[in-house]
C-alpha atoms as a PDB file:
ATOM      1  CA  MET A   1       1.440 -30.444  32.660  1.00  0.00           C
ATOM      2  CA  ASN A   2      -1.216 -28.272  34.616  1.00  0.00           C
ATOM      3  CA  GLN A   3      -4.293 -28.163  32.318  1.00  0.00           C
ATOM      4  CA  GLN A   4      -5.699 -25.103  34.362  1.00  0.00           C
ATOM      5  CA  ILE A   5      -2.987 -22.652  33.138  1.00  0.00           C
ATOM      6  CA  TYR A   6      -3.775 -23.008  29.411  1.00  0.00           C
ATOM      7  CA  PHE A   7      -6.425 -24.091  27.037  1.00  0.00           C
ATOM      8  CA  ALA A   8      -6.238 -27.056  24.634  1.00  0.00           C
ATOM      9  CA  HIS A   9      -9.148 -27.891  22.500  1.00  0.00           C
ATOM     10  CA  GLU A  10     -10.248 -31.624  22.970  1.00  0.00           C
ATOM     11  CA  THR A  11      -8.794 -32.574  19.357  1.00  0.00           C
ATOM     12  CA  ALA A  12      -5.321 -31.156  20.098  1.00  0.00           C
ATOM     13  CA  LEU A  13      -2.593 -33.619  20.915  1.00  0.00           C
ATOM     14  CA  ILE A  14       0.121 -32.583  23.487  1.00  0.00           C
ATOM     15  CA  ASP A  15       2.901 -34.824  24.054  1.00  0.00           C
ATOM     16  CA  GLU A  16       4.425 -35.535  27.559  1.00  0.00           C
ATOM     17  CA  GLY A  17       7.250 -33.474  28.642  1.00  0.00           C
ATOM     18  CA  CYS A  18       5.902 -30.182  27.060  1.00  0.00           C
ATOM     19  CA  ILE A  19       6.069 -26.680  28.948  1.00  0.00           C
ATOM     20  CA  ILE A  20       3.105 -24.587  27.947  1.00  0.00           C
ATOM     21  CA  GLY A  21       2.738 -20.964  29.542  1.00  0.00           C
ATOM     22  CA  GLU A  22      -0.265 -19.486  31.214  1.00  0.00           C
ATOM     23  CA  GLY A  23      -2.984 -18.195  29.072  1.00  0.00           C
ATOM     24  CA  THR A  24      -1.878 -19.969  25.785  1.00  0.00           C
ATOM     25  CA  LYS A  25      -4.653 -21.508  23.649  1.00  0.00           C
ATOM     26  CA  ILE A  26      -3.946 -24.509  21.432  1.00  0.00           C
ATOM     27  CA  TRP A  27      -6.739 -25.196  18.866  1.00  0.00           C
ATOM     28  CA  HIS A  28      -8.365 -27.953  16.751  1.00  0.00           C
ATOM     29  CA  PHE A  29      -6.374 -30.741  15.581  1.00  0.00           C
ATOM     30  CA  SER A  30      -2.894 -29.237  16.579  1.00  0.00           C
ATOM     31  CA  HIS A  31       0.073 -31.415  17.754  1.00  0.00           C
ATOM     32  CA  ILE A  32       2.578 -30.084  20.064  1.00  0.00           C
ATOM     33  CA  MET A  33       5.455 -32.733  20.048  1.00  0.00           C
ATOM     34  CA  PHE A  34       7.587 -33.628  23.067  1.00  0.00           C
ATOM     35  CA  ARG A  35       9.936 -31.364  24.735  1.00  0.00           C
ATOM     36  CA  CYS A  36       8.506 -28.103  23.405  1.00  0.00           C
ATOM     37  CA  ARG A  37       8.481 -24.793  25.386  1.00  0.00           C
ATOM     38  CA  LEU A  38       5.425 -22.667  24.520  1.00  0.00           C
ATOM     39  CA  GLY A  39       5.474 -19.062  26.481  1.00  0.00           C
ATOM     40  CA  LYS A  40       2.662 -17.438  27.994  1.00  0.00           C
ATOM     41  CA  ASN A  41      -0.324 -16.080  26.039  1.00  0.00           C
ATOM     42  CA  CYS A  42       0.463 -17.861  22.824  1.00  0.00           C
ATOM     43  CA  ASN A  43      -2.044 -18.585  20.297  1.00  0.00           C
ATOM     44  CA  ILE A  44      -1.604 -21.934  18.250  1.00  0.00           C
ATOM     45  CA  GLY A  45      -4.412 -22.117  15.435  1.00  0.00           C
ATOM     46  CA  GLN A  46      -5.911 -25.229  13.738  1.00  0.00           C
ATOM     47  CA  ASN A  47      -4.005 -27.895  12.405  1.00  0.00           C
ATOM     48  CA  VAL A  48      -0.470 -26.777  13.483  1.00  0.00           C
ATOM     49  CA  VAL A  49       2.580 -29.005  14.163  1.00  0.00           C
ATOM     50  CA  ILE A  50       5.092 -27.868  16.740  1.00  0.00           C
ATOM     51  CA  SER A  51       7.779 -30.338  16.300  1.00  0.00           C
ATOM     52  CA  PRO A  52      10.173 -31.700  19.214  1.00  0.00           C
ATOM     53  CA  GLU A  53      12.203 -29.120  21.090  1.00  0.00           C
ATOM     54  CA  VAL A  54      10.804 -26.091  19.266  1.00  0.00           C
ATOM     55  CA  ILE A  55      10.935 -23.181  21.533  1.00  0.00           C
ATOM     56  CA  LEU A  56       8.305 -20.260  21.259  1.00  0.00           C
ATOM     57  CA  GLY A  57       8.484 -17.211  23.403  1.00  0.00           C
ATOM     58  CA  ASN A  58       5.630 -15.260  25.080  1.00  0.00           C
ATOM     59  CA  ASN A  59       2.507 -14.035  22.980  1.00  0.00           C
ATOM     60  CA  VAL A  60       3.423 -15.792  19.677  1.00  0.00           C
ATOM     61  CA  LYS A  61       0.707 -16.188  17.121  1.00  0.00           C
ATOM     62  CA  VAL A  62       0.723 -19.276  15.110  1.00  0.00           C
ATOM     63  CA  GLN A  63      -1.899 -19.215  12.449  1.00  0.00           C
ATOM     64  CA  ASN A  64      -3.690 -22.218  10.889  1.00  0.00           C
ATOM     65  CA  ASN A  65      -1.686 -25.024   8.848  1.00  0.00           C
ATOM     66  CA  VAL A  66       1.910 -24.067  10.245  1.00  0.00           C
ATOM     67  CA  SER A  67       4.572 -26.490  10.550  1.00  0.00           C
ATOM     68  CA  VAL A  68       7.352 -25.489  13.008  1.00  0.00           C
ATOM     69  CA  TYR A  69      10.074 -28.119  12.822  1.00  0.00           C
ATOM     70  CA  THR A  70      12.967 -29.014  15.415  1.00  0.00           C
ATOM     71  CA  GLY A  71      15.629 -26.369  15.318  1.00  0.00           C
ATOM     72  CA  VAL A  72      13.120 -23.455  15.201  1.00  0.00           C
ATOM     73  CA  THR A  73      13.154 -20.833  18.133  1.00  0.00           C
ATOM     74  CA  CYS A  74      10.840 -17.696  18.144  1.00  0.00           C
ATOM     75  CA  GLU A  75      11.065 -14.758  20.518  1.00  0.00           C
ATOM     76  CA  ASP A  76       8.345 -12.988  22.092  1.00  0.00           C
ATOM     77  CA  ASP A  77       5.680 -11.382  19.974  1.00  0.00           C
ATOM     78  CA  VAL A  78       6.443 -13.315  16.682  1.00  0.00           C
ATOM     79  CA  PHE A  79       3.542 -13.661  14.031  1.00  0.00           C
ATOM     80  CA  LEU A  80       3.620 -16.802  11.964  1.00  0.00           C
ATOM     81  CA  GLY A  81       1.055 -16.577   9.042  1.00  0.00           C
ATOM     82  CA  PRO A  82      -1.303 -19.124   7.823  1.00  0.00           C
ATOM     83  CA  SER A  83       0.340 -22.072   6.033  1.00  0.00           C
ATOM     84  CA  CYS A  84       3.830 -20.913   6.467  1.00  0.00           C
ATOM     85  CA  VAL A  85       6.687 -23.280   6.986  1.00  0.00           C
ATOM     86  CA  PHE A  86      10.055 -23.872   8.280  1.00  0.00           C
ATOM     87  CA  THR A  87      12.533 -26.624   7.012  1.00  0.00           C
ATOM     88  CA  ASN A  88      15.371 -28.124   9.050  1.00  0.00           C
ATOM     89  CA  VAL A  89      17.341 -29.917   6.665  1.00  0.00           C
ATOM     90  CA  THR A  90      19.012 -28.570   3.447  1.00  0.00           C
ATOM     91  CA  ASN A  91      19.248 -31.669   1.612  1.00  0.00           C
ATOM     92  CA  PRO A  92      16.305 -33.979   2.570  1.00  0.00           C
ATOM     93  CA  ARG A  93      16.172 -37.508   1.242  1.00  0.00           C
ATOM     94  CA  SER A  94      13.660 -40.059   2.208  1.00  0.00           C
ATOM     95  CA  ALA A  95      16.110 -42.966   2.195  1.00  0.00           C
ATOM     96  CA  VAL A  96      18.764 -40.868   4.145  1.00  0.00           C
ATOM     97  CA  ASN A  97      18.182 -40.391   7.931  1.00  0.00           C
ATOM     98  CA  ARG A  98      19.543 -36.894   8.739  1.00  0.00           C
ATOM     99  CA  ARG A  99      18.220 -36.677  12.310  1.00  0.00           C
ATOM    100  CA  GLY A 100      20.601 -34.933  14.470  1.00  0.00           C
ATOM    101  CA  GLN A 101      21.815 -32.736  11.600  1.00  0.00           C
ATOM    102  CA  TYR A 102      18.954 -30.323  11.676  1.00  0.00           C
ATOM    103  CA  ALA A 103      19.981 -26.811  10.915  1.00  0.00           C
ATOM    104  CA  LYS A 104      18.785 -24.098  13.450  1.00  0.00           C
ATOM    105  CA  THR A 105      16.511 -21.049  12.544  1.00  0.00           C
ATOM    106  CA  HIS A 106      16.086 -18.213  14.966  1.00  0.00           C
ATOM    107  CA  VAL A 107      13.080 -15.587  14.502  1.00  0.00           C
ATOM    108  CA  GLY A 108      13.820 -12.500  16.498  1.00  0.00           C
ATOM    109  CA  LYS A 109      11.299 -10.562  18.711  1.00  0.00           C
ATOM    110  CA  GLY A 110       8.169  -9.026  16.901  1.00  0.00           C
ATOM    111  CA  ALA A 111       9.091 -10.510  13.615  1.00  0.00           C
ATOM    112  CA  THR A 112       6.218 -11.435  11.062  1.00  0.00           C
ATOM    113  CA  ILE A 113       6.205 -14.280   8.600  1.00  0.00           C
ATOM    114  CA  GLY A 114       3.588 -13.878   5.912  1.00  0.00           C
ATOM    115  CA  ALA A 115       1.067 -16.496   4.547  1.00  0.00           C
ATOM    116  CA  ASN A 116       2.570 -19.473   2.687  1.00  0.00           C
ATOM    117  CA  ALA A 117       6.177 -18.013   3.111  1.00  0.00           C
ATOM    118  CA  THR A 118       8.936 -20.624   3.520  1.00  0.00           C
ATOM    119  CA  ILE A 119      11.869 -20.227   5.723  1.00  0.00           C
ATOM    120  CA  VAL A 120      14.841 -22.357   4.467  1.00  0.00           C
ATOM    121  CA  CYS A 121      16.672 -23.694   7.392  1.00  0.00           C
ATOM    122  CA  GLY A 122      20.025 -22.023   8.746  1.00  0.00           C
ATOM    123  CA  HIS A 123      18.779 -18.509   7.818  1.00  0.00           C
ATOM    124  CA  ASN A 124      17.790 -16.389  10.792  1.00  0.00           C
ATOM    125  CA  VAL A 125      14.922 -13.903  10.624  1.00  0.00           C
ATOM    126  CA  GLY A 126      15.759 -10.552  12.398  1.00  0.00           C
ATOM    127  CA  THR A 127      14.103  -8.420  15.034  1.00  0.00           C
ATOM    128  CA  TYR A 128      10.790  -7.168  13.777  1.00  0.00           C
ATOM    129  CA  ALA A 129      11.494  -8.130  10.137  1.00  0.00           C
ATOM    130  CA  LEU A 130       8.610  -8.756   7.898  1.00  0.00           C
ATOM    131  CA  ILE A 131       8.347 -11.538   5.486  1.00  0.00           C
ATOM    132  CA  GLY A 132       5.894 -11.017   2.564  1.00  0.00           C
ATOM    133  CA  ALA A 133       3.336 -13.534   1.795  1.00  0.00           C
ATOM    134  CA  GLY A 134       4.584 -16.545  -0.365  1.00  0.00           C
ATOM    135  CA  ALA A 135       8.352 -15.341   0.164  1.00  0.00           C
ATOM    136  CA  VAL A 136      11.054 -18.147   0.064  1.00  0.00           C
ATOM    137  CA  VAL A 137      13.731 -17.143   2.628  1.00  0.00           C
ATOM    138  CA  THR A 138      17.155 -18.386   1.442  1.00  0.00           C
ATOM    139  CA  LYS A 139      19.502 -16.043   3.319  1.00  0.00           C
ATOM    140  CA  THR A 140      19.498 -14.338   6.868  1.00  0.00           C
ATOM    141  CA  VAL A 141      16.924 -11.320   7.137  1.00  0.00           C
ATOM    142  CA  PRO A 142      18.171  -8.197   8.918  1.00  0.00           C
ATOM    143  CA  ASP A 143      16.399  -6.614  11.850  1.00  0.00           C
ATOM    144  CA  TYR A 144      13.625  -4.261  10.491  1.00  0.00           C
ATOM    145  CA  ALA A 145      13.947  -5.506   6.942  1.00  0.00           C
ATOM    146  CA  GLN A 146      11.022  -6.259   4.780  1.00  0.00           C
ATOM    147  CA  VAL A 147      11.640  -9.104   2.234  1.00  0.00           C
ATOM    148  CA  VAL A 148       9.365 -10.410  -0.570  1.00  0.00           C
ATOM    149  CA  GLY A 149       9.579 -12.779  -3.443  1.00  0.00           C
ATOM    150  CA  ASN A 150      11.224 -15.986  -4.524  1.00  0.00           C
ATOM    151  CA  PRO A 151      14.007 -15.949  -3.595  1.00  0.00           C
ATOM    152  CA  ALA A 152      13.201 -13.349  -0.961  1.00  0.00           C
ATOM    153  CA  ARG A 153      14.982  -9.893  -1.487  1.00  0.00           C
ATOM    154  CA  GLN A 154      14.821  -6.918   0.724  1.00  0.00           C
ATOM    155  CA  THR A 155      12.535  -4.156  -0.597  1.00  0.00           C
ATOM    156  CA  ALA A 156      12.158  -1.643   2.459  1.00  0.00           C
ATOM    157  CA  TRP A 157      13.128  -1.147   6.145  1.00  0.00           C
ATOM    158  CA  ILE A 158       9.946  -1.400   8.473  1.00  0.00           C
ATOM    159  CA  SER A 159       9.089   0.010  11.962  1.00  0.00           C
ATOM    160  CA  GLU A 160       8.158  -2.016  14.935  1.00  0.00           C
ATOM    161  CA  PHE A 161       4.376  -1.153  13.854  1.00  0.00           C
ATOM    162  CA  GLY A 162       4.889  -2.502  10.523  1.00  0.00           C
ATOM    163  CA  HIS A 163       5.150   0.699   8.449  1.00  0.00           C
ATOM    164  CA  LYS A 164       7.689   1.363   5.779  1.00  0.00           C
ATOM    165  CA  LEU A 165      10.472   3.773   6.866  1.00  0.00           C
ATOM    166  CA  LYS A 166      11.345   6.626   4.798  1.00  0.00           C
ATOM    167  CA  PHE A 167      14.579   7.678   5.650  1.00  0.00           C
ATOM    168  CA  ASN A 168      15.759  11.406   5.186  1.00  0.00           C
ATOM    169  CA  GLY A 169      19.257  12.604   4.033  1.00  0.00           C
ATOM    170  CA  ASP A 170      20.608  12.298   7.436  1.00  0.00           C
ATOM    171  CA  GLY A 171      19.657   8.438   7.891  1.00  0.00           C
ATOM    172  CA  MET A 172      16.561   9.293  10.085  1.00  0.00           C
ATOM    173  CA  ALA A 173      13.089   8.224   9.929  1.00  0.00           C
ATOM    174  CA  VAL A 174       9.868   8.306  11.879  1.00  0.00           C
ATOM    175  CA  CYS A 175       7.147   5.650  12.062  1.00  0.00           C
ATOM    176  CA  PRO A 176       3.953   7.358  11.155  1.00  0.00           C
ATOM    177  CA  GLU A 177       1.890   5.570  13.616  1.00  0.00           C
ATOM    178  CA  SER A 178       4.013   5.194  16.691  1.00  0.00           C
ATOM    179  CA  GLN A 179       6.112   8.205  16.072  1.00  0.00           C
ATOM    180  CA  GLN A 180       9.074   6.013  17.139  1.00  0.00           C
ATOM    181  CA  LYS A 181      12.445   7.415  15.593  1.00  0.00           C
ATOM    182  CA  TYR A 182      14.985   5.159  13.685  1.00  0.00           C
ATOM    183  CA  ARG A 183      18.304   5.549  12.512  1.00  0.00           C
ATOM    184  CA  LEU A 184      19.974   3.850   9.287  1.00  0.00           C
ATOM    185  CA  GLU A 185      23.672   3.503   9.725  1.00  0.00           C
ATOM    186  CA  ASN A 186      25.976   1.026   7.834  1.00  0.00           C
ATOM    187  CA  ASN A 187      23.076  -0.745   6.042  1.00  0.00           C
ATOM    188  CA  GLN A 188      21.466  -1.422   9.833  1.00  0.00           C
ATOM    189  CA  VAL A 189      18.410   0.250  11.348  1.00  0.00           C
ATOM    190  CA  ILE A 190      18.240   1.112  14.995  1.00  0.00           C
ATOM    191  CA  ARG A 191      15.269   2.472  17.159  1.00  0.00           C
ATOM    192  CA  ILE A 192      16.608   5.560  18.968  1.00  0.00           C
ATOM    193  CA  ASP A 193      13.690   6.100  21.222  1.00  0.00           C
END
């Protein structure tokens, strides 16, 4: 590891065999475990645990007190809100060793997971999806979907800039901030420009 390409606070613990991209910052009391891959320009907040073999893309923001367990991958530009957590075993028991049986969870590009949300393993989070604060995700979340509650349920479609999309009669919507256009077809949202 080349200490000059990224910043790690003196209290952070980084195990051998990690790959950490240029411009990444790792803050107080965080632990990056062996064989992790963190992309460029990531920000790892205080008291974060990144378990073995986790992969984070470029520009991933991990807020304070987040646990990202083995089996999780995040694409570029993902935001993980304060104290959110991923699981990796569906039926954990203290007396039963289930290492090697970890379920996988993939978080798509640009997705946001709100504060204190829980992502139950084996359920992917779609591209630009928005998981509300405190939500408990128990099924796969489609691209551009906003989900809230326990268990999480879809309440809206969301733009890449994080605004609710209002589809007209022909299935078209425009983001009020970016002016990007979207189409809703067969219960899927597609950005068309």
